[in-house]
Amino acid sequence: MRYKLTFVVGLALGYVLGTRAGRERYEQLKKSARQVAQNPAVRNTAETAAQQGRVYAGKAIHSVSEKVGDRMPDSVASRVRSLRERNTNGAAGDDWGTSNT
């Protein structure tokens, strides 16, 4: 019983001291992450990567749909056809669920 009580007291003390130090460290990390995220170079790099991802995804959907062909479910096939029609008609924007923020 004595060891259990010692363990519980040590656990409680460690928790209290850890949460105090942990909160301060958490706030430091949060501040640093916010500064990095607001850096214009980081934002530009992230946007460039997102645009390249959309381009590669567009190419991939066309090559996959050509290889898969009739084996796709009708709902997926109709969605692919509608995306192809929009892209060939020169529609602006993308259909990948991204925003320009």
C-alpha atoms as a PDB file:
ATOM      1  CA  MET A   1       0.000   0.000   0.000  1.00  0.00           C
ATOM      2  CA  ARG A   2       2.871   2.314   0.801  1.00  0.00           C
ATOM      3  CA  TYR A   3       4.302   1.906  -2.716  1.00  0.00           C
ATOM      4  CA  LYS A   4       0.948   2.604  -4.325  1.00  0.00           C
ATOM      5  CA  LEU A   5       0.539   5.788  -2.294  1.00  0.00           C
ATOM      6  CA  THR A   6       4.078   6.899  -3.183  1.00  0.00           C
ATOM      7  CA  PHE A   7       3.409   6.185  -6.853  1.00  0.00           C
ATOM      8  CA  VAL A   8       0.122   8.155  -6.830  1.00  0.00           C
ATOM      9  CA  VAL A   9       1.726  11.133  -5.057  1.00  0.00           C
ATOM     10  CA  GLY A  10       4.639  11.086  -7.514  1.00  0.00           C
ATOM     11  CA  LEU A  11       2.261  10.839 -10.449  1.00  0.00           C
ATOM     12  CA  ALA A  12       0.187  13.767  -9.189  1.00  0.00           C
ATOM     13  CA  LEU A  13       3.273  15.889  -8.543  1.00  0.00           C
ATOM     14  CA  GLY A  14       4.706  15.074 -11.968  1.00  0.00           C
ATOM     15  CA  TYR A  15       1.417  15.906 -13.629  1.00  0.00           C
ATOM     16  CA  VAL A  16       1.146  19.297 -11.927  1.00  0.00           C
ATOM     17  CA  LEU A  17       4.740  20.265 -12.672  1.00  0.00           C
ATOM     18  CA  GLY A  18       4.544  18.909 -16.203  1.00  0.00           C
ATOM     19  CA  THR A  19       1.382  20.786 -17.080  1.00  0.00           C
ATOM     20  CA  ARG A  20       2.855  24.077 -15.939  1.00  0.00           C
ATOM     21  CA  ALA A  21       6.019  23.616 -17.978  1.00  0.00           C
ATOM     22  CA  GLY A  22       4.073  21.995 -20.794  1.00  0.00           C
ATOM     23  CA  ARG A  23       1.694  24.906 -21.233  1.00  0.00           C
ATOM     24  CA  GLU A  24       4.529  27.397 -21.519  1.00  0.00           C
ATOM     25  CA  ARG A  25       6.322  25.226 -24.057  1.00  0.00           C
ATOM     26  CA  TYR A  26       3.064  24.715 -25.956  1.00  0.00           C
ATOM     27  CA  GLU A  27       2.575  28.479 -26.186  1.00  0.00           C
ATOM     28  CA  GLN A  28       6.155  28.891 -27.460  1.00  0.00           C
ATOM     29  CA  LEU A  29       5.641  26.255 -30.145  1.00  0.00           C
ATOM     30  CA  LYS A  30       2.304  27.762 -31.124  1.00  0.00           C
ATOM     31  CA  LYS A  31       3.861  31.226 -31.502  1.00  0.00           C
ATOM     32  CA  SER A  32       6.735  29.847 -33.593  1.00  0.00           C
ATOM     33  CA  ALA A  33       4.362  27.890 -35.836  1.00  0.00           C
ATOM     34  CA  ARG A  34       2.223  30.982 -36.378  1.00  0.00           C
ATOM     35  CA  GLN A  35       5.296  33.032 -37.360  1.00  0.00           C
ATOM     36  CA  VAL A  36       6.427  30.385 -39.829  1.00  0.00           C
ATOM     37  CA  ALA A  37       2.936  30.066 -41.325  1.00  0.00           C
ATOM     38  CA  GLN A  38       2.684  33.837 -41.829  1.00  0.00           C
ATOM     39  CA  ASN A  39       6.053  34.052 -43.564  1.00  0.00           C
ATOM     40  CA  PRO A  40       5.449  35.082 -47.202  1.00  0.00           C
ATOM     41  CA  ALA A  41       8.111  32.697 -48.519  1.00  0.00           C
ATOM     42  CA  VAL A  42       6.463  29.762 -46.767  1.00  0.00           C
ATOM     43  CA  ARG A  43       3.026  30.783 -48.008  1.00  0.00           C
ATOM     44  CA  ASN A  44       4.254  31.094 -51.598  1.00  0.00           C
ATOM     45  CA  THR A  45       5.972  27.721 -51.449  1.00  0.00           C
ATOM     46  CA  ALA A  46       2.843  26.081 -50.038  1.00  0.00           C
ATOM     47  CA  GLU A  47       0.669  27.616 -52.758  1.00  0.00           C
ATOM     48  CA  THR A  48       3.087  26.514 -55.473  1.00  0.00           C
ATOM     49  CA  ALA A  49       3.079  22.980 -54.100  1.00  0.00           C
ATOM     50  CA  ALA A  50      -0.732  22.984 -54.015  1.00  0.00           C
ATOM     51  CA  GLN A  51      -0.939  24.158 -57.631  1.00  0.00           C
ATOM     52  CA  GLN A  52       1.522  21.501 -58.773  1.00  0.00           C
ATOM     53  CA  GLY A  53      -0.473  18.886 -56.881  1.00  0.00           C
ATOM     54  CA  ARG A  54      -3.651  19.934 -58.688  1.00  0.00           C
ATOM     55  CA  VAL A  55      -1.865  19.723 -62.045  1.00  0.00           C
ATOM     56  CA  TYR A  56      -0.526  16.234 -61.321  1.00  0.00           C
ATOM     57  CA  ALA A  57      -3.907  15.109 -60.001  1.00  0.00           C
ATOM     58  CA  GLY A  58      -5.540  16.315 -63.213  1.00  0.00           C
ATOM     59  CA  LYS A  59      -3.054  14.366 -65.302  1.00  0.00           C
ATOM     60  CA  ALA A  60      -3.430  11.290 -63.125  1.00  0.00           C
ATOM     61  CA  ILE A  61      -7.223  11.200 -63.359  1.00  0.00           C
ATOM     62  CA  HIS A  62      -7.041  11.198 -67.143  1.00  0.00           C
ATOM     63  CA  SER A  63      -4.443   8.444 -67.405  1.00  0.00           C
ATOM     64  CA  VAL A  64      -6.167   6.291 -64.784  1.00  0.00           C
ATOM     65  CA  SER A  65      -9.587   6.707 -66.361  1.00  0.00           C
ATOM     66  CA  GLU A  66      -8.173   5.690 -69.756  1.00  0.00           C
ATOM     67  CA  LYS A  67      -6.608   2.542 -68.277  1.00  0.00           C
ATOM     68  CA  VAL A  68      -9.586   1.586 -66.120  1.00  0.00           C
ATOM     69  CA  GLY A  69     -12.173   2.295 -68.797  1.00  0.00           C
ATOM     70  CA  ASP A  70     -15.454   0.380 -68.435  1.00  0.00           C
ATOM     71  CA  ARG A  71     -14.530  -1.173 -65.110  1.00  0.00           C
ATOM     72  CA  MET A  72     -15.419   2.045 -63.264  1.00  0.00           C
ATOM     73  CA  PRO A  73     -18.827   2.365 -61.588  1.00  0.00           C
ATOM     74  CA  ASP A  74     -21.266   4.523 -63.533  1.00  0.00           C
ATOM     75  CA  SER A  75     -21.289   7.250 -60.891  1.00  0.00           C
ATOM     76  CA  VAL A  76     -17.510   7.635 -61.074  1.00  0.00           C
ATOM     77  CA  ALA A  77     -17.470   7.441 -64.865  1.00  0.00           C
ATOM     78  CA  SER A  78     -20.053  10.205 -65.183  1.00  0.00           C
ATOM     79  CA  ARG A  79     -18.061  12.401 -62.801  1.00  0.00           C
ATOM     80  CA  VAL A  80     -14.883  11.861 -64.832  1.00  0.00           C
ATOM     81  CA  ARG A  81     -16.730  12.692 -68.052  1.00  0.00           C
ATOM     82  CA  SER A  82     -18.073  15.912 -66.553  1.00  0.00           C
ATOM     83  CA  LEU A  83     -14.582  16.894 -65.398  1.00  0.00           C
ATOM     84  CA  ARG A  84     -13.167  16.214 -68.850  1.00  0.00           C
ATOM     85  CA  GLU A  85     -15.881  18.329 -70.482  1.00  0.00           C
ATOM     86  CA  ARG A  86     -15.229  21.231 -68.131  1.00  0.00           C
ATOM     87  CA  ASN A  87     -11.487  21.077 -68.733  1.00  0.00           C
ATOM     88  CA  THR A  88     -11.836  20.893 -72.522  1.00  0.00           C
ATOM     89  CA  ASN A  89     -14.330  23.769 -72.548  1.00  0.00           C
ATOM     90  CA  GLY A  90     -11.809  25.993 -70.803  1.00  0.00           C
ATOM     91  CA  ALA A  91     -13.696  26.416 -67.548  1.00  0.00           C
ATOM     92  CA  ALA A  92     -11.900  28.486 -64.948  1.00  0.00           C
ATOM     93  CA  GLY A  93     -10.956  27.095 -61.569  1.00  0.00           C
ATOM     94  CA  ASP A  94     -10.509  23.562 -60.396  1.00  0.00           C
ATOM     95  CA  ASP A  95     -12.693  20.840 -58.930  1.00  0.00           C
ATOM     96  CA  TRP A  96     -10.319  19.514 -56.325  1.00  0.00           C
ATOM     97  CA  GLY A  97     -11.903  21.177 -53.276  1.00  0.00           C
ATOM     98  CA  THR A  98      -9.246  23.822 -52.810  1.00  0.00           C
ATOM     99  CA  SER A  99      -9.675  27.483 -52.106  1.00  0.00           C
ATOM    100  CA  ASN A 100      -7.705  30.583 -52.965  1.00  0.00           C
ATOM    101  CA  THR A 101      -6.978  31.702 -49.444  1.00  0.00           C
END
